[in-house]
Amino acid sequence: MFRGILSVLVVMLGITSARAQTPQLSAYEALRSVGSAKGDAVLANLVEMRGLDGDPQPAQWVLSFKDDAARGGIREFTVDSKGITAERTPLQAGDLAVPGVMAAAGLNLDSTGVFDAANKEAAKAKLGFQSLNYRLQNRNGSPVWTVQLFDVGGNEAGMAEFSAKNGTIVTPLRIATVAAPVTAPGPVAAPSATPVAVSETDGRPLGQRWVEGGGLFGHVGRWGDRTWKTTSDTAVKVGDSVKTFFTGRPPQEGARGD
């Protein structure tokens, strides 16, 4: 039994080490790359952002923008730490035609803040996880982050939603009782309703079996300087960051976000 546990830990440490060597970037950094390459005007027409397999941040993001000149009305950019690596115009906008656009300058919660919030909620619930999927969309006129948590086996361990406008919790952390298979890169899928067998000797929620105490396995403060405090403090801090990102000017002392 000890050897089995040791083998799992070795595999987990190997995965964490490999991911740590891959440059990660936040949503704000991906937006800034697109703005630098394509002009800041495009940032006012953001439709969606997707980042998969974050540890805690993804190695790349897919950003979709409304573009009337593009076929299907949508232009997509794939961005990593080096900048834009791919650009495409889908033939059909699909579900992206429904939510509407979001102005990047109005986003007051970066994906780093989303991670901090999700990690805190997971720790409170004693839910361990190995990676995260991020998705930002316009929900009834307001930008909302959806984050999915996955355990080391690739099973969905939980999900939560946070307002990108003010940092509040839109949907509290929902712990998965069944596993959802990881799919190829694309829109974040809804949790599966198909039952999956779990260990007969361990009835704890998925993910909790992998990390005692909850939270992201191997998270040792690489992004720890961006701590989740109170909603207002976080919104102000991140709001100030977005002003710096998109205006090039540091925030005024004492300025408050919306």
C-alpha atoms as a PDB file:
ATOM      1  CA  MET A   1       0.000   0.000   0.000  1.00  0.00           C
ATOM      2  CA  PHE A   2       2.840   2.373   0.909  1.00  0.00           C
ATOM      3  CA  ARG A   3       4.489   1.739  -2.465  1.00  0.00           C
ATOM      4  CA  GLY A   4       1.221   2.520  -4.204  1.00  0.00           C
ATOM      5  CA  ILE A   5       0.876   5.834  -2.387  1.00  0.00           C
ATOM      6  CA  LEU A   6       4.525   6.640  -3.088  1.00  0.00           C
ATOM      7  CA  SER A   7       4.025   5.919  -6.805  1.00  0.00           C
ATOM      8  CA  VAL A   8       1.066   8.310  -6.935  1.00  0.00           C
ATOM      9  CA  LEU A   9       3.076  11.024  -5.199  1.00  0.00           C
ATOM     10  CA  VAL A  10       6.004  10.556  -7.605  1.00  0.00           C
ATOM     11  CA  VAL A  11       3.660  10.895 -10.587  1.00  0.00           C
ATOM     12  CA  MET A  12       2.044  13.995  -9.091  1.00  0.00           C
ATOM     13  CA  LEU A  13       5.414  15.587  -8.357  1.00  0.00           C
ATOM     14  CA  GLY A  14       6.565  14.821 -11.896  1.00  0.00           C
ATOM     15  CA  ILE A  15       3.496  16.468 -13.398  1.00  0.00           C
ATOM     16  CA  THR A  16       3.884  19.507 -11.150  1.00  0.00           C
ATOM     17  CA  SER A  17       7.592  19.841 -12.010  1.00  0.00           C
ATOM     18  CA  ALA A  18       6.935  19.652 -15.751  1.00  0.00           C
ATOM     19  CA  ARG A  19       4.194  22.257 -15.536  1.00  0.00           C
ATOM     20  CA  ALA A  20       6.356  24.562 -13.443  1.00  0.00           C
ATOM     21  CA  GLN A  21       8.862  24.704 -16.316  1.00  0.00           C
ATOM     22  CA  THR A  22       6.175  25.896 -18.767  1.00  0.00           C
ATOM     23  CA  PRO A  23       5.721  29.690 -18.765  1.00  0.00           C
ATOM     24  CA  GLN A  24       2.287  30.653 -17.479  1.00  0.00           C
ATOM     25  CA  LEU A  25       0.371  33.850 -18.039  1.00  0.00           C
ATOM     26  CA  SER A  26      -2.715  35.477 -16.598  1.00  0.00           C
ATOM     27  CA  ALA A  27      -5.790  36.656 -18.477  1.00  0.00           C
ATOM     28  CA  TYR A  28      -4.663  40.280 -18.198  1.00  0.00           C
ATOM     29  CA  GLU A  29      -1.289  39.416 -19.705  1.00  0.00           C
ATOM     30  CA  ALA A  30      -2.998  37.634 -22.605  1.00  0.00           C
ATOM     31  CA  LEU A  31      -5.247  40.647 -23.191  1.00  0.00           C
ATOM     32  CA  ARG A  32      -2.261  42.963 -23.117  1.00  0.00           C
ATOM     33  CA  SER A  33      -0.509  40.824 -25.761  1.00  0.00           C
ATOM     34  CA  VAL A  34      -3.488  41.105 -28.102  1.00  0.00           C
ATOM     35  CA  GLY A  35      -3.782  44.848 -27.475  1.00  0.00           C
ATOM     36  CA  SER A  36      -0.095  45.371 -28.207  1.00  0.00           C
ATOM     37  CA  ALA A  37      -0.255  43.387 -31.457  1.00  0.00           C
ATOM     38  CA  LYS A  38      -3.685  44.386 -32.769  1.00  0.00           C
ATOM     39  CA  GLY A  39      -4.384  47.732 -31.146  1.00  0.00           C
ATOM     40  CA  ASP A  40      -6.231  48.590 -27.961  1.00  0.00           C
ATOM     41  CA  ALA A  41      -9.517  49.166 -29.813  1.00  0.00           C
ATOM     42  CA  VAL A  42     -10.030  45.427 -30.251  1.00  0.00           C
ATOM     43  CA  LEU A  43     -10.114  44.970 -26.472  1.00  0.00           C
ATOM     44  CA  ALA A  44     -13.505  46.691 -26.277  1.00  0.00           C
ATOM     45  CA  ASN A  45     -15.077  43.790 -28.211  1.00  0.00           C
ATOM     46  CA  LEU A  46     -14.068  40.813 -26.071  1.00  0.00           C
ATOM     47  CA  VAL A  47     -16.589  37.965 -26.264  1.00  0.00           C
ATOM     48  CA  GLU A  48     -14.879  35.118 -24.428  1.00  0.00           C
ATOM     49  CA  MET A  49     -11.622  33.941 -22.870  1.00  0.00           C
ATOM     50  CA  ARG A  50     -10.655  30.305 -22.295  1.00  0.00           C
ATOM     51  CA  GLY A  51      -7.648  28.910 -20.472  1.00  0.00           C
ATOM     52  CA  LEU A  52      -7.189  25.179 -19.944  1.00  0.00           C
ATOM     53  CA  ASP A  53      -5.080  23.102 -17.581  1.00  0.00           C
ATOM     54  CA  GLY A  54      -3.976  25.957 -15.349  1.00  0.00           C
ATOM     55  CA  ASP A  55      -1.356  25.240 -12.680  1.00  0.00           C
ATOM     56  CA  PRO A  56      -2.436  27.669 -11.352  1.00  0.00           C
ATOM     57  CA  GLN A  57      -2.415  29.745 -14.557  1.00  0.00           C
ATOM     58  CA  PRO A  58      -2.639  28.318 -18.102  1.00  0.00           C
ATOM     59  CA  ALA A  59       0.244  28.172 -20.548  1.00  0.00           C
ATOM     60  CA  GLN A  60      -2.013  29.663 -23.224  1.00  0.00           C
ATOM     61  CA  TRP A  61      -5.341  31.419 -23.659  1.00  0.00           C
ATOM     62  CA  VAL A  62      -7.870  31.497 -26.489  1.00  0.00           C
ATOM     63  CA  LEU A  63      -9.485  34.928 -26.783  1.00  0.00           C
ATOM     64  CA  SER A  64     -12.546  35.592 -28.958  1.00  0.00           C
ATOM     65  CA  PHE A  65     -13.563  39.049 -30.149  1.00  0.00           C
ATOM     66  CA  LYS A  66     -16.545  40.378 -32.061  1.00  0.00           C
ATOM     67  CA  ASP A  67     -15.399  41.394 -35.555  1.00  0.00           C
ATOM     68  CA  ASP A  68     -18.013  42.296 -38.156  1.00  0.00           C
ATOM     69  CA  ALA A  69     -15.400  41.977 -40.909  1.00  0.00           C
ATOM     70  CA  ALA A  70     -14.635  38.345 -39.984  1.00  0.00           C
ATOM     71  CA  ARG A  71     -16.544  35.382 -41.347  1.00  0.00           C
ATOM     72  CA  GLY A  72     -18.952  34.300 -38.661  1.00  0.00           C
ATOM     73  CA  GLY A  73     -18.425  37.644 -36.926  1.00  0.00           C
ATOM     74  CA  ILE A  74     -15.799  36.308 -34.525  1.00  0.00           C
ATOM     75  CA  ARG A  75     -11.994  36.511 -34.541  1.00  0.00           C
ATOM     76  CA  GLU A  76      -9.988  34.251 -32.240  1.00  0.00           C
ATOM     77  CA  PHE A  77      -6.425  34.565 -31.012  1.00  0.00           C
ATOM     78  CA  THR A  78      -4.332  31.940 -29.234  1.00  0.00           C
ATOM     79  CA  VAL A  79      -1.836  33.589 -26.900  1.00  0.00           C
ATOM     80  CA  ASP A  80       1.049  32.255 -24.829  1.00  0.00           C
ATOM     81  CA  SER A  81       3.947  33.884 -23.005  1.00  0.00           C
ATOM     82  CA  LYS A  82       5.590  34.807 -26.329  1.00  0.00           C
ATOM     83  CA  GLY A  83       2.507  36.546 -27.714  1.00  0.00           C
ATOM     84  CA  ILE A  84      -0.080  35.601 -30.341  1.00  0.00           C
ATOM     85  CA  THR A  85       0.650  32.159 -31.779  1.00  0.00           C
ATOM     86  CA  ALA A  86      -2.490  31.639 -33.882  1.00  0.00           C
ATOM     87  CA  GLU A  87      -5.364  33.640 -35.368  1.00  0.00           C
ATOM     88  CA  ARG A  88      -8.539  32.259 -36.883  1.00  0.00           C
ATOM     89  CA  THR A  89     -12.050  33.261 -37.902  1.00  0.00           C
ATOM     90  CA  PRO A  90     -14.560  30.477 -37.192  1.00  0.00           C
ATOM     91  CA  LEU A  91     -17.144  29.895 -39.910  1.00  0.00           C
ATOM     92  CA  GLN A  92     -19.884  30.091 -37.292  1.00  0.00           C
ATOM     93  CA  ALA A  93     -19.908  32.031 -34.058  1.00  0.00           C
ATOM     94  CA  GLY A  94     -21.962  29.338 -32.332  1.00  0.00           C
ATOM     95  CA  ASP A  95     -22.838  30.128 -28.725  1.00  0.00           C
ATOM     96  CA  LEU A  96     -20.483  33.117 -28.816  1.00  0.00           C
ATOM     97  CA  ALA A  97     -23.120  35.056 -30.763  1.00  0.00           C
ATOM     98  CA  VAL A  98     -25.430  35.053 -27.736  1.00  0.00           C
ATOM     99  CA  PRO A  99     -23.598  36.528 -24.702  1.00  0.00           C
ATOM    100  CA  GLY A 100     -22.457  39.848 -26.180  1.00  0.00           C
ATOM    101  CA  VAL A 101     -19.230  41.761 -25.789  1.00  0.00           C
ATOM    102  CA  MET A 102     -17.255  42.836 -22.737  1.00  0.00           C
ATOM    103  CA  ALA A 103     -14.866  45.757 -22.545  1.00  0.00           C
ATOM    104  CA  ALA A 104     -11.542  44.487 -21.240  1.00  0.00           C
ATOM    105  CA  ALA A 105     -10.977  47.719 -19.328  1.00  0.00           C
ATOM    106  CA  GLY A 106     -14.110  46.952 -17.286  1.00  0.00           C
ATOM    107  CA  LEU A 107     -12.822  43.619 -16.000  1.00  0.00           C
ATOM    108  CA  ASN A 108     -11.910  44.038 -12.349  1.00  0.00           C
ATOM    109  CA  LEU A 109     -10.870  40.466 -11.585  1.00  0.00           C
ATOM    110  CA  ASP A 110      -7.872  38.876 -13.295  1.00  0.00           C
ATOM    111  CA  SER A 111      -7.514  35.090 -13.527  1.00  0.00           C
ATOM    112  CA  THR A 112      -4.962  35.297 -10.701  1.00  0.00           C
ATOM    113  CA  GLY A 113      -7.725  36.620  -8.452  1.00  0.00           C
ATOM    114  CA  VAL A 114     -10.042  33.885  -9.717  1.00  0.00           C
ATOM    115  CA  PHE A 115      -7.480  31.267  -8.720  1.00  0.00           C
ATOM    116  CA  ASP A 116      -7.017  32.801  -5.282  1.00  0.00           C
ATOM    117  CA  ALA A 117     -10.774  32.796  -4.727  1.00  0.00           C
ATOM    118  CA  ALA A 118     -11.275  29.239  -5.992  1.00  0.00           C
ATOM    119  CA  ASN A 119      -8.270  27.946  -4.043  1.00  0.00           C
ATOM    120  CA  LYS A 120      -9.580  29.532  -0.846  1.00  0.00           C
ATOM    121  CA  GLU A 121     -13.022  28.009  -1.328  1.00  0.00           C
ATOM    122  CA  ALA A 122     -11.490  24.601  -2.112  1.00  0.00           C
ATOM    123  CA  ALA A 123      -9.305  24.761   1.000  1.00  0.00           C
ATOM    124  CA  LYS A 124     -12.334  25.616   3.143  1.00  0.00           C
ATOM    125  CA  ALA A 125     -14.133  22.584   1.680  1.00  0.00           C
ATOM    126  CA  LYS A 126     -11.003  20.390   2.059  1.00  0.00           C
ATOM    127  CA  LEU A 127     -11.142  19.754  -1.671  1.00  0.00           C
ATOM    128  CA  GLY A 128      -7.802  19.040  -3.336  1.00  0.00           C
ATOM    129  CA  PHE A 129      -7.233  19.555  -7.046  1.00  0.00           C
ATOM    130  CA  GLN A 130      -4.459  19.337  -9.622  1.00  0.00           C
ATOM    131  CA  SER A 131      -5.444  21.854 -12.339  1.00  0.00           C
ATOM    132  CA  LEU A 132      -8.042  24.421 -13.368  1.00  0.00           C
ATOM    133  CA  ASN A 133      -9.977  25.419 -16.482  1.00  0.00           C
ATOM    134  CA  TYR A 134     -10.990  29.069 -16.816  1.00  0.00           C
ATOM    135  CA  ARG A 135     -13.759  30.571 -18.941  1.00  0.00           C
ATOM    136  CA  LEU A 136     -14.868  34.213 -19.032  1.00  0.00           C
ATOM    137  CA  GLN A 137     -18.206  35.110 -20.634  1.00  0.00           C
ATOM    138  CA  ASN A 138     -20.841  37.828 -20.624  1.00  0.00           C
ATOM    139  CA  ARG A 139     -23.682  36.544 -18.445  1.00  0.00           C
ATOM    140  CA  ASN A 140     -26.839  38.659 -18.688  1.00  0.00           C
ATOM    141  CA  GLY A 141     -24.818  41.801 -19.257  1.00  0.00           C
ATOM    142  CA  SER A 142     -22.175  41.079 -16.614  1.00  0.00           C
ATOM    143  CA  PRO A 143     -18.780  39.363 -17.064  1.00  0.00           C
ATOM    144  CA  VAL A 144     -18.531  36.081 -15.162  1.00  0.00           C
ATOM    145  CA  TRP A 145     -15.627  33.709 -14.603  1.00  0.00           C
ATOM    146  CA  THR A 146     -16.394  29.980 -14.560  1.00  0.00           C
ATOM    147  CA  VAL A 147     -13.627  27.845 -13.086  1.00  0.00           C
ATOM    148  CA  GLN A 148     -13.505  24.052 -13.148  1.00  0.00           C
ATOM    149  CA  LEU A 149     -11.218  22.124 -10.799  1.00  0.00           C
ATOM    150  CA  PHE A 150      -9.733  18.746 -11.792  1.00  0.00           C
ATOM    151  CA  ASP A 151      -8.036  16.102  -9.680  1.00  0.00           C
ATOM    152  CA  VAL A 152      -4.794  14.320 -10.602  1.00  0.00           C
ATOM    153  CA  GLY A 153      -6.744  11.680 -12.500  1.00  0.00           C
ATOM    154  CA  GLY A 154      -8.265  14.291 -14.815  1.00  0.00           C
ATOM    155  CA  ASN A 155     -11.691  14.043 -13.196  1.00  0.00           C
ATOM    156  CA  GLU A 156     -13.715  17.151 -12.440  1.00  0.00           C
ATOM    157  CA  ALA A 157     -13.509  17.791  -8.699  1.00  0.00           C
ATOM    158  CA  GLY A 158     -15.645  20.927  -8.530  1.00  0.00           C
ATOM    159  CA  MET A 159     -16.669  24.212 -10.124  1.00  0.00           C
ATOM    160  CA  ALA A 160     -17.497  27.756  -9.081  1.00  0.00           C
ATOM    161  CA  GLU A 161     -18.320  31.104 -10.681  1.00  0.00           C
ATOM    162  CA  PHE A 162     -17.123  34.593  -9.788  1.00  0.00           C
ATOM    163  CA  SER A 163     -18.076  38.052 -11.017  1.00  0.00           C
ATOM    164  CA  ALA A 164     -15.293  39.640 -13.064  1.00  0.00           C
ATOM    165  CA  LYS A 165     -16.826  43.027 -12.262  1.00  0.00           C
ATOM    166  CA  ASN A 166     -16.708  43.046  -8.468  1.00  0.00           C
ATOM    167  CA  GLY A 167     -15.214  39.707  -7.375  1.00  0.00           C
ATOM    168  CA  THR A 168     -18.330  38.355  -5.689  1.00  0.00           C
ATOM    169  CA  ILE A 169     -19.255  34.668  -5.787  1.00  0.00           C
ATOM    170  CA  VAL A 170     -21.907  34.041  -8.432  1.00  0.00           C
ATOM    171  CA  THR A 171     -22.135  30.267  -7.930  1.00  0.00           C
ATOM    172  CA  PRO A 172     -20.638  28.789  -4.735  1.00  0.00           C
ATOM    173  CA  LEU A 173     -18.147  25.951  -5.058  1.00  0.00           C
ATOM    174  CA  ARG A 174     -19.980  22.828  -6.153  1.00  0.00           C
ATOM    175  CA  ILE A 175     -18.083  19.648  -5.330  1.00  0.00           C
ATOM    176  CA  ALA A 176     -18.418  16.960  -7.980  1.00  0.00           C
ATOM    177  CA  THR A 177     -19.724  13.624  -6.814  1.00  0.00           C
ATOM    178  CA  VAL A 178     -18.966  11.979 -10.160  1.00  0.00           C
ATOM    179  CA  ALA A 179     -16.100  12.404 -12.576  1.00  0.00           C
ATOM    180  CA  ALA A 180     -16.313  14.308 -15.838  1.00  0.00           C
ATOM    181  CA  PRO A 181     -13.744  13.263 -18.485  1.00  0.00           C
ATOM    182  CA  VAL A 182     -11.282  15.882 -19.720  1.00  0.00           C
ATOM    183  CA  THR A 183     -12.027  16.784 -23.330  1.00  0.00           C
ATOM    184  CA  ALA A 184      -9.885  18.268 -26.078  1.00  0.00           C
ATOM    185  CA  PRO A 185      -9.285  22.053 -25.919  1.00  0.00           C
ATOM    186  CA  GLY A 186     -12.509  23.919 -26.571  1.00  0.00           C
ATOM    187  CA  PRO A 187     -15.421  25.465 -24.666  1.00  0.00           C
ATOM    188  CA  VAL A 188     -15.633  24.350 -21.066  1.00  0.00           C
ATOM    189  CA  ALA A 189     -18.062  21.441 -20.920  1.00  0.00           C
ATOM    190  CA  ALA A 190     -20.890  21.107 -18.416  1.00  0.00           C
ATOM    191  CA  PRO A 191     -20.300  18.565 -15.641  1.00  0.00           C
ATOM    192  CA  SER A 192     -21.113  15.009 -16.664  1.00  0.00           C
ATOM    193  CA  ALA A 193     -24.056  13.230 -15.088  1.00  0.00           C
ATOM    194  CA  THR A 194     -22.618   9.767 -15.799  1.00  0.00           C
ATOM    195  CA  PRO A 195     -21.773   7.805 -12.632  1.00  0.00           C
ATOM    196  CA  VAL A 196     -18.151   6.725 -12.307  1.00  0.00           C
ATOM    197  CA  ALA A 197     -16.867   4.083  -9.918  1.00  0.00           C
ATOM    198  CA  VAL A 198     -14.834   5.363  -6.981  1.00  0.00           C
ATOM    199  CA  SER A 199     -12.625   3.627  -4.461  1.00  0.00           C
ATOM    200  CA  GLU A 200     -14.552   1.340  -2.170  1.00  0.00           C
ATOM    201  CA  THR A 201     -12.247   2.232   0.704  1.00  0.00           C
ATOM    202  CA  ASP A 202     -12.351   6.001   0.254  1.00  0.00           C
ATOM    203  CA  GLY A 203     -15.694   7.745   0.047  1.00  0.00           C
ATOM    204  CA  ARG A 204     -14.383  11.293   0.220  1.00  0.00           C
ATOM    205  CA  PRO A 205     -15.297  13.726  -2.606  1.00  0.00           C
ATOM    206  CA  LEU A 206     -13.188  13.546  -5.756  1.00  0.00           C
ATOM    207  CA  GLY A 207     -10.043  15.578  -5.355  1.00  0.00           C
ATOM    208  CA  GLN A 208     -10.028  15.427  -1.562  1.00  0.00           C
ATOM    209  CA  ARG A 209      -8.530  11.956  -1.889  1.00  0.00           C
ATOM    210  CA  TRP A 210      -5.440  13.459  -3.500  1.00  0.00           C
ATOM    211  CA  VAL A 211      -4.615  16.409  -1.279  1.00  0.00           C
ATOM    212  CA  GLU A 212      -5.096  16.476   2.454  1.00  0.00           C
ATOM    213  CA  GLY A 213      -6.323  19.884   3.544  1.00  0.00           C
ATOM    214  CA  GLY A 214      -7.587  21.009   0.152  1.00  0.00           C
ATOM    215  CA  GLY A 215      -6.356  23.492  -2.429  1.00  0.00           C
ATOM    216  CA  LEU A 216      -4.035  23.161  -5.405  1.00  0.00           C
ATOM    217  CA  PHE A 217      -1.498  20.357  -5.039  1.00  0.00           C
ATOM    218  CA  GLY A 218       2.059  21.707  -5.080  1.00  0.00           C
ATOM    219  CA  HIS A 219       0.968  25.334  -4.752  1.00  0.00           C
ATOM    220  CA  VAL A 220       3.775  26.899  -2.743  1.00  0.00           C
ATOM    221  CA  GLY A 221       3.187  30.568  -3.291  1.00  0.00           C
ATOM    222  CA  ARG A 222       4.332  30.996  -6.904  1.00  0.00           C
ATOM    223  CA  TRP A 223       1.383  33.355  -7.252  1.00  0.00           C
ATOM    224  CA  GLY A 224       0.971  33.830  -3.518  1.00  0.00           C
ATOM    225  CA  ASP A 225       1.611  37.575  -3.587  1.00  0.00           C
ATOM    226  CA  ARG A 226      -1.803  37.963  -5.223  1.00  0.00           C
ATOM    227  CA  THR A 227      -3.778  36.913  -2.166  1.00  0.00           C
ATOM    228  CA  TRP A 228      -7.547  36.813  -1.966  1.00  0.00           C
ATOM    229  CA  LYS A 229      -8.588  39.053   0.916  1.00  0.00           C
ATOM    230  CA  THR A 230     -12.007  40.699   0.969  1.00  0.00           C
ATOM    231  CA  THR A 231     -14.130  41.237  -2.102  1.00  0.00           C
ATOM    232  CA  SER A 232     -13.710  45.000  -1.993  1.00  0.00           C
ATOM    233  CA  ASP A 233      -9.946  44.854  -1.450  1.00  0.00           C
ATOM    234  CA  THR A 234      -9.511  42.385  -4.285  1.00  0.00           C
ATOM    235  CA  ALA A 235     -11.710  44.343  -6.679  1.00  0.00           C
ATOM    236  CA  VAL A 236      -9.820  47.540  -5.943  1.00  0.00           C
ATOM    237  CA  LYS A 237      -6.426  45.859  -6.268  1.00  0.00           C
ATOM    238  CA  VAL A 238      -7.255  44.113  -9.520  1.00  0.00           C
ATOM    239  CA  GLY A 239      -9.132  47.135 -10.840  1.00  0.00           C
ATOM    240  CA  ASP A 240      -6.010  49.192 -10.237  1.00  0.00           C
ATOM    241  CA  SER A 241      -3.979  46.565 -12.082  1.00  0.00           C
ATOM    242  CA  VAL A 242      -6.207  46.706 -15.140  1.00  0.00           C
ATOM    243  CA  LYS A 243      -5.899  50.506 -15.216  1.00  0.00           C
ATOM    244  CA  THR A 244      -2.127  50.100 -15.232  1.00  0.00           C
ATOM    245  CA  PHE A 245      -2.277  47.409 -17.914  1.00  0.00           C
ATOM    246  CA  PHE A 246      -4.439  49.327 -20.333  1.00  0.00           C
ATOM    247  CA  THR A 247      -3.472  52.939 -19.703  1.00  0.00           C
ATOM    248  CA  GLY A 248       0.213  52.541 -18.873  1.00  0.00           C
ATOM    249  CA  ARG A 249      -0.276  54.767 -15.832  1.00  0.00           C
ATOM    250  CA  PRO A 250      -0.177  53.602 -12.211  1.00  0.00           C
ATOM    251  CA  PRO A 251      -3.381  54.161 -10.211  1.00  0.00           C
ATOM    252  CA  GLN A 252      -3.720  57.272  -8.112  1.00  0.00           C
ATOM    253  CA  GLU A 253      -3.240  56.793  -4.400  1.00  0.00           C
ATOM    254  CA  GLY A 254      -6.544  56.143  -2.709  1.00  0.00           C
ATOM    255  CA  ALA A 255      -8.449  55.597  -5.962  1.00  0.00           C
ATOM    256  CA  ARG A 256     -11.319  53.181  -5.630  1.00  0.00           C
ATOM    257  CA  GLY A 257     -12.754  50.758  -8.206  1.00  0.00           C
ATOM    258  CA  ASP A 258     -16.417  50.384  -9.068  1.00  0.00           C
END
